[in-house]
């Protein structure tokens, strides 16, 4: 495939995803606000949560205002709907482009993009149910969404399915160690390792807490995997990753501080579950620690806070995760978001370089 044809195959779907996102966002925004799709429990009884030892009490109340509670939490619909529509458009217009002598732009393939896309849809569906329960649930049990244990069980189940697919269908049973000729051979244990990575990425959804923060970080990460797909000649993965980036950039166009909506569980679950599959398809588990360092640090900060509170009855951070701690220290939301984005760009660039030279 020549460079020109490759550029056309990747660039056109990316532009389509971005344009669809830009066009669809005003429509979805009207729907979000018309039906008041924000969490009824956003200010969730901070006092009650505090009694259970799982939240932040008065500190949490201080950094969360009334207006924030009236920001829709289902913005992820825009992202995965734009991605799905882009895939449909690429499938429909590819035969027409071929007849006209242009390059085929369909990028759905069984060995590269089918599983990431199905993971995206499964995560989107579960997340949307959780979001809607928190929005429309009337009983206390429903107002907090799907119980976390059930969500974790579903994520682990999906991770097990993905692990079995990698192990039995792709023969994937080891982890590449960059800069060496050695692999960490796990055999059947690779299934459990994949389940762990999927669950770890699921836990990173806590980053969706400040205007534009999650969208910008994830756009950088998927852009990095777009370039990694090109480097590895996995062009369908590259196109899929750039399409996700295009949809996220459209989301950010309307969501730079102050936010019009948040990704919500439907967005974060869809994106993180899909990302987990791409990480293994590109065999960049170790490199991801660098590429996705903002996600890793944010997730680790929450885990460390939980461990410290339960084992030592002390807090490491004023408020977990890290971005709320910085907010509590007096950083403005825009400063936190911009610095996270800058850090994410640097991490993504470094990760790409590591993949090239490894």
Protein backbone atom coordinates (compact mmCIF):
# COMPACT_ATOMS: atom_id res chain seq x y z
CA UNK A 1 0.00 0.00 0.00
CA UNK A 2 1.49 3.32 -1.08
CA UNK A 3 1.83 6.18 1.37
CA UNK A 4 -0.86 8.19 -0.46
CA UNK A 5 -3.39 5.35 -0.34
CA UNK A 6 -2.56 4.67 3.29
CA UNK A 7 -3.06 8.32 4.18
CA UNK A 8 -6.43 8.31 2.40
CA UNK A 9 -7.54 5.08 4.13
CA UNK A 10 -6.72 6.45 7.60
CA UNK A 11 -7.41 10.15 7.19
CA UNK A 12 -10.87 10.00 5.60
CA UNK A 13 -12.54 7.89 8.34
CA UNK A 14 -10.89 10.08 10.99
CA UNK A 15 -12.32 13.21 9.38
CA UNK A 16 -15.73 11.54 9.03
CA UNK A 17 -15.73 10.68 12.75
CA UNK A 18 -14.80 14.23 13.69
CA UNK A 19 -17.39 15.83 11.40
CA UNK A 20 -20.13 13.46 12.55
CA UNK A 21 -19.28 14.27 16.15
CA UNK A 22 -19.44 18.01 15.46
CA UNK A 23 -22.79 17.67 13.67
CA UNK A 24 -24.35 15.30 16.19
CA UNK A 25 -23.24 17.03 19.39
CA UNK A 26 -25.73 19.95 19.26
CA UNK A 27 -28.54 17.43 18.66
CA UNK A 28 -27.51 15.24 21.58
CA UNK A 29 -26.87 18.28 23.78
CA UNK A 30 -30.47 19.42 23.35
CA UNK A 31 -31.67 15.94 24.26
CA UNK A 32 -29.36 15.76 27.31
CA UNK A 33 -30.65 19.04 28.72
CA UNK A 34 -34.26 18.58 27.67
CA UNK A 35 -34.52 15.34 29.64
CA UNK A 36 -32.14 16.52 32.40
CA UNK A 37 -29.73 13.65 31.98
CA UNK A 38 -27.57 14.44 34.97
CA UNK A 39 -27.15 12.38 38.11
CA UNK A 40 -29.85 12.95 40.68
CA UNK A 41 -27.30 11.66 43.18
CA UNK A 42 -24.39 13.82 42.07
CA UNK A 43 -24.26 15.53 45.41
CA UNK A 44 -24.80 12.13 46.85
CA UNK A 45 -25.34 12.69 50.39
CA UNK A 46 -21.68 13.45 50.97
CA UNK A 47 -22.47 13.21 54.65
CA UNK A 48 -23.83 9.68 54.31
CA UNK A 49 -20.91 8.56 52.17
CA UNK A 50 -18.54 10.03 54.68
CA UNK A 51 -20.10 7.96 57.46
CA UNK A 52 -19.28 4.85 55.47
CA UNK A 53 -15.69 5.94 55.13
CA UNK A 54 -15.70 5.93 51.36
CA UNK A 55 -15.78 9.59 50.45
CA UNK A 56 -14.61 13.06 51.19
CA UNK A 57 -17.28 14.79 53.21
CA UNK A 58 -17.00 18.55 53.52
CA UNK A 59 -13.88 18.73 51.34
CA UNK A 60 -15.80 17.08 48.51
CA UNK A 61 -18.71 19.47 48.98
CA UNK A 62 -16.38 22.45 48.84
CA UNK A 63 -14.99 21.69 45.38
CA UNK A 64 -18.33 20.61 43.84
CA UNK A 65 -20.92 23.26 43.19
CA UNK A 66 -24.60 23.19 42.34
CA UNK A 67 -24.05 23.99 38.65
CA UNK A 68 -21.79 20.99 38.25
CA UNK A 69 -24.58 18.67 39.35
CA UNK A 70 -26.66 19.90 36.42
CA UNK A 71 -24.10 18.79 33.82
CA UNK A 72 -25.25 15.73 31.84
CA UNK A 73 -23.27 12.56 32.56
CA UNK A 74 -23.95 10.66 29.33
CA UNK A 75 -21.73 12.57 26.90
CA UNK A 76 -19.97 9.34 25.97
CA UNK A 77 -22.98 8.55 23.78
CA UNK A 78 -21.69 11.17 21.34
CA UNK A 79 -18.31 9.44 21.12
CA UNK A 80 -19.34 5.83 20.62
CA UNK A 81 -22.30 6.78 18.41
CA UNK A 82 -19.98 8.78 16.14
CA UNK A 83 -17.55 5.84 16.00
CA UNK A 84 -20.33 3.37 15.17
CA UNK A 85 -21.79 5.66 12.51
CA UNK A 86 -18.33 6.16 10.98
CA UNK A 87 -17.88 2.40 10.71
CA UNK A 88 -21.27 2.10 9.01
CA UNK A 89 -20.43 4.93 6.60
CA UNK A 90 -17.05 3.37 5.75
CA UNK A 91 -18.70 0.02 4.98
CA UNK A 92 -21.39 1.66 2.83
CA UNK A 93 -19.21 3.98 0.76
CA UNK A 94 -16.20 1.68 0.29
CA UNK A 95 -17.74 -0.16 -2.72
CA UNK A 96 -18.58 3.19 -4.29
CA UNK A 97 -15.04 4.48 -3.77
CA UNK A 98 -13.59 1.30 -5.27
CA UNK A 99 -15.74 1.69 -8.40
CA UNK A 100 -14.49 5.25 -8.73
CA UNK A 101 -10.90 4.06 -8.49
CA UNK A 102 -10.23 5.24 -4.93
CA UNK A 103 -8.86 3.33 -1.95
CA UNK A 104 -11.14 1.13 0.14
CA UNK A 105 -11.63 2.84 3.52
CA UNK A 106 -13.40 0.02 5.34
CA UNK A 107 -11.36 -0.79 8.45
CA UNK A 108 -13.47 -3.44 10.19
CA UNK A 109 -11.50 -6.68 10.14
CA UNK A 110 -11.95 -9.87 12.09
CA UNK A 111 -8.34 -10.09 13.30
CA UNK A 112 -7.74 -6.42 14.17
CA UNK A 113 -10.79 -4.29 14.89
CA UNK A 114 -13.83 -6.52 15.45
CA UNK A 115 -13.02 -7.32 19.09
CA UNK A 116 -12.08 -3.72 20.03
CA UNK A 117 -15.34 -2.53 18.48
CA UNK A 118 -17.47 -5.18 20.20
CA UNK A 119 -15.77 -4.33 23.51
CA UNK A 120 -16.60 -0.67 22.87
CA UNK A 121 -20.28 -1.50 22.36
CA UNK A 122 -20.51 -3.83 25.37
CA UNK A 123 -18.87 -1.26 27.61
CA UNK A 124 -21.12 1.47 26.22
CA UNK A 125 -24.23 -0.59 26.91
CA UNK A 126 -23.34 -1.46 30.49
CA UNK A 127 -22.19 2.08 31.21
CA UNK A 128 -25.37 3.56 29.76
CA UNK A 129 -27.52 1.34 31.98
CA UNK A 130 -25.49 2.46 34.98
CA UNK A 131 -25.79 6.14 34.02
CA UNK A 132 -29.53 5.92 33.42
CA UNK A 133 -30.09 4.21 36.77
CA UNK A 134 -28.26 7.07 38.48
CA UNK A 135 -30.34 9.59 36.53
CA UNK A 136 -33.81 8.08 36.75
CA UNK A 137 -33.53 5.62 39.64
CA UNK A 138 -36.06 6.44 42.33
CA UNK A 139 -35.13 3.97 45.02
CA UNK A 140 -31.92 4.54 46.93
CA UNK A 141 -30.44 1.29 45.67
CA UNK A 142 -31.10 2.26 42.05
CA UNK A 143 -29.98 5.89 42.40
CA UNK A 144 -26.38 4.82 42.87
CA UNK A 145 -26.45 2.83 39.62
CA UNK A 146 -25.36 -0.75 39.05
CA UNK A 147 -23.63 -1.99 42.22
CA UNK A 148 -19.89 -1.79 41.78
CA UNK A 149 -19.47 -5.50 42.46
CA UNK A 150 -21.72 -6.34 39.54
CA UNK A 151 -19.85 -3.94 37.27
CA UNK A 152 -16.54 -5.46 38.33
CA UNK A 153 -17.92 -8.97 37.74
CA UNK A 154 -19.06 -7.97 34.24
CA UNK A 155 -15.70 -6.38 33.43
CA UNK A 156 -13.86 -9.48 34.67
CA UNK A 157 -16.17 -11.71 32.62
CA UNK A 158 -15.49 -9.63 29.52
CA UNK A 159 -11.77 -9.75 30.30
CA UNK A 160 -11.99 -13.55 30.56
CA UNK A 161 -13.70 -13.76 27.16
CA UNK A 162 -11.03 -11.53 25.63
CA UNK A 163 -8.30 -13.55 27.34
CA UNK A 164 -9.67 -16.83 25.97
CA UNK A 165 -9.86 -15.30 22.51
CA UNK A 166 -6.25 -14.12 22.66
CA UNK A 167 -5.01 -17.43 24.07
CA UNK A 168 -6.94 -19.94 21.94
CA UNK A 169 -7.53 -18.04 18.70
CA UNK A 170 -4.39 -15.93 18.48
CA UNK A 171 -1.99 -18.13 20.43
CA UNK A 172 -1.09 -15.19 22.64
CA UNK A 173 0.65 -16.45 25.79
CA UNK A 174 3.58 -14.12 26.49
CA UNK A 175 4.39 -10.47 27.11
CA UNK A 176 7.09 -8.76 25.12
CA UNK A 177 9.86 -7.04 27.09
CA UNK A 178 11.06 -3.94 25.20
CA UNK A 179 14.75 -3.63 24.29
CA UNK A 180 15.36 -7.35 24.87
CA UNK A 181 14.88 -10.60 23.00
CA UNK A 182 13.02 -12.07 25.95
CA UNK A 183 9.34 -12.58 26.63
CA UNK A 184 7.51 -13.25 29.87
CA UNK A 185 5.77 -16.53 29.10
CA UNK A 186 2.52 -16.88 31.03
CA UNK A 187 0.86 -19.68 29.08
CA UNK A 188 -2.74 -20.15 30.22
CA UNK A 189 -2.08 -17.49 32.86
CA UNK A 190 -2.26 -14.85 30.12
CA UNK A 191 -6.04 -15.05 30.48
CA UNK A 192 -5.87 -13.91 34.10
CA UNK A 193 -3.33 -11.23 33.22
CA UNK A 194 -5.66 -9.84 30.55
CA UNK A 195 -8.49 -9.85 33.08
CA UNK A 196 -6.27 -7.86 35.46
CA UNK A 197 -5.38 -5.27 32.79
CA UNK A 198 -9.03 -4.87 31.76
CA UNK A 199 -10.04 -4.36 35.40
CA UNK A 200 -7.16 -1.89 35.96
CA UNK A 201 -8.26 0.17 32.95
CA UNK A 202 -11.85 0.04 34.17
CA UNK A 203 -10.69 1.52 37.48
CA UNK A 204 -9.07 4.43 35.61
CA UNK A 205 -12.54 5.73 34.71
CA UNK A 206 -12.30 7.87 37.86
CA UNK A 207 -10.36 10.35 35.70
CA UNK A 208 -13.71 11.55 34.29
CA UNK A 209 -14.23 14.13 37.01
CA UNK A 210 -13.09 17.51 35.65
CA UNK A 211 -14.13 19.40 32.52
CA UNK A 212 -12.43 17.92 29.44
CA UNK A 213 -9.86 15.97 31.45
CA UNK A 214 -10.73 12.41 30.46
CA UNK A 215 -11.52 13.26 26.84
CA UNK A 216 -8.19 15.00 26.25
CA UNK A 217 -6.11 12.29 27.88
CA UNK A 218 -7.88 9.48 26.04
CA UNK A 219 -7.63 11.34 22.71
CA UNK A 220 -3.84 11.48 23.15
CA UNK A 221 -3.65 7.79 24.06
CA UNK A 222 -5.72 6.64 21.08
CA UNK A 223 -3.70 8.93 18.79
CA UNK A 224 -0.55 7.22 20.08
CA UNK A 225 -2.03 3.83 19.25
CA UNK A 226 -2.95 5.11 15.82
CA UNK A 227 0.73 5.78 15.14
CA UNK A 228 1.74 2.49 16.75
CA UNK A 229 -0.68 0.67 14.43
CA UNK A 230 1.03 2.31 11.45
CA UNK A 231 4.49 1.42 12.79
CA UNK A 232 3.42 -2.23 13.16
CA UNK A 233 1.61 -2.25 9.77
CA UNK A 234 -1.68 -2.96 11.53
CA UNK A 235 -3.48 -0.37 9.50
CA UNK A 236 -7.02 -1.28 10.56
CA UNK A 237 -6.06 -0.83 14.22
CA UNK A 238 -4.42 2.46 13.27
CA UNK A 239 -7.58 3.65 11.51
CA UNK A 240 -9.85 2.54 14.35
CA UNK A 241 -7.65 4.32 16.91
CA UNK A 242 -7.62 7.54 14.89
CA UNK A 243 -11.40 7.32 14.41
CA UNK A 244 -11.81 7.12 18.19
CA UNK A 245 -9.46 10.11 18.48
CA UNK A 246 -11.53 12.04 15.92
CA UNK A 247 -14.75 11.36 17.84
CA UNK A 248 -13.08 12.42 21.11
CA UNK A 249 -11.80 15.64 19.55
CA UNK A 250 -15.34 16.48 18.43
CA UNK A 251 -16.47 15.77 21.99
CA UNK A 252 -13.76 18.11 23.31
CA UNK A 253 -14.68 20.84 20.83
CA UNK A 254 -17.86 21.37 22.84
CA UNK A 255 -16.50 20.24 26.16
CA UNK A 256 -13.48 22.38 26.90
CA UNK A 257 -13.94 24.07 30.32
CA UNK A 258 -16.64 24.73 31.31
CA UNK A 259 -18.00 21.30 30.39
CA UNK A 260 -21.35 20.87 28.69
CA UNK A 261 -21.37 17.19 29.64
CA UNK A 262 -19.13 14.44 30.95
CA UNK A 263 -18.24 11.14 29.28
CA UNK A 264 -19.99 9.25 32.06
CA UNK A 265 -19.81 5.49 32.58
CA UNK A 266 -21.13 4.89 29.08
CA UNK A 267 -18.14 6.70 27.60
CA UNK A 268 -15.42 5.62 30.00
CA UNK A 269 -16.36 1.94 30.04
CA UNK A 270 -16.63 1.83 26.25
CA UNK A 271 -13.26 3.50 25.70
CA UNK A 272 -11.24 1.73 28.39
CA UNK A 273 -12.51 -1.75 27.49
CA UNK A 274 -11.76 -1.14 23.83
CA UNK A 275 -8.34 0.27 24.69
CA UNK A 276 -7.48 -2.87 26.69
CA UNK A 277 -7.94 -5.02 23.57
CA UNK A 278 -5.83 -2.67 21.42
CA UNK A 279 -3.01 -2.82 23.97
CA UNK A 280 -2.78 -6.60 23.61
CA UNK A 281 -3.30 -6.62 19.85
CA UNK A 282 -0.28 -4.32 19.51
CA UNK A 283 1.66 -6.23 22.21
CA UNK A 284 2.48 -3.01 24.07
CA UNK A 285 1.45 -3.85 27.62
CA UNK A 286 4.69 -2.57 29.13
CA UNK A 287 4.85 0.47 26.85
CA UNK A 288 1.32 1.38 27.89
CA UNK A 289 2.57 2.11 31.39
CA UNK A 290 4.28 5.12 29.76
CA UNK A 291 1.65 5.96 27.13
CA UNK A 292 -1.21 5.76 29.62
CA UNK A 293 0.70 7.08 32.62
CA UNK A 294 -1.94 9.75 33.41
CA UNK A 295 -4.54 6.97 33.69
CA UNK A 296 -2.17 4.77 35.69
CA UNK A 297 -1.33 7.53 38.17
CA UNK A 298 -4.97 8.56 38.59
CA UNK A 299 -6.14 5.00 39.19
CA UNK A 300 -3.21 4.29 41.52
CA UNK A 301 -3.99 7.39 43.58
CA UNK A 302 -7.51 6.11 44.28
CA UNK A 303 -6.25 2.63 45.13
CA UNK A 304 -3.57 4.02 47.45
CA UNK A 305 -6.18 6.18 49.22
CA UNK A 306 -8.47 3.19 49.75
CA UNK A 307 -5.64 1.04 51.12
CA UNK A 308 -4.40 3.82 53.42
CA UNK A 309 -7.87 4.48 54.83
CA UNK A 310 -8.78 0.86 55.40
CA UNK A 311 -5.47 -0.39 56.74
CA UNK A 312 -4.03 2.68 58.46
CA UNK A 313 -7.13 4.88 58.91
CA UNK A 314 -5.27 7.77 57.30
CA UNK A 315 -5.50 9.66 54.03
CA UNK A 316 -2.64 10.05 51.57
CA UNK A 317 -4.46 12.70 49.57
CA UNK A 318 -6.94 15.32 50.73
CA UNK A 319 -9.39 13.95 48.17
CA UNK A 320 -8.87 11.04 45.80
CA UNK A 321 -8.24 10.69 42.93
CA UNK A 322 -5.25 12.92 42.21
CA UNK A 323 -7.03 15.59 40.14
CA UNK A 324 -9.49 16.28 42.97
CA UNK A 325 -6.57 16.51 45.40
CA UNK A 326 -4.99 19.16 43.15
CA UNK A 327 -8.34 20.93 42.99
CA UNK A 328 -8.54 20.89 46.77
CA UNK A 329 -5.05 22.45 46.91
CA UNK A 330 -6.36 25.42 44.96
CA UNK A 331 -5.52 24.57 41.35
CA UNK A 332 -8.17 25.77 38.94
CA UNK A 333 -9.94 23.15 36.87
CA UNK A 334 -8.59 24.57 33.63
CA UNK A 335 -5.02 24.44 34.99
CA UNK A 336 -5.44 20.80 36.05
CA UNK A 337 -6.92 19.86 32.67
CA UNK A 338 -4.28 21.64 30.60
CA UNK A 339 -1.38 20.23 32.62
CA UNK A 340 -2.84 16.74 32.41
CA UNK A 341 -3.11 17.18 28.63
CA UNK A 342 0.49 18.38 28.35
CA UNK A 343 1.69 15.48 30.48
CA UNK A 344 -0.38 13.08 28.37
CA UNK A 345 1.10 14.39 25.10
CA UNK A 346 4.62 13.90 26.46
CA UNK A 347 3.83 10.37 27.68
CA UNK A 348 2.23 9.41 24.35
CA UNK A 349 5.18 10.78 22.36
CA UNK A 350 7.65 8.94 24.59
CA UNK A 351 5.67 5.72 24.27
CA UNK A 352 5.67 5.95 20.46
CA UNK A 353 9.42 6.51 20.47
CA UNK A 354 9.90 3.46 22.70
CA UNK A 355 7.87 1.32 20.30
CA UNK A 356 9.94 2.54 17.34
CA UNK A 357 13.33 1.85 18.90
CA UNK A 358 12.42 -1.24 20.96
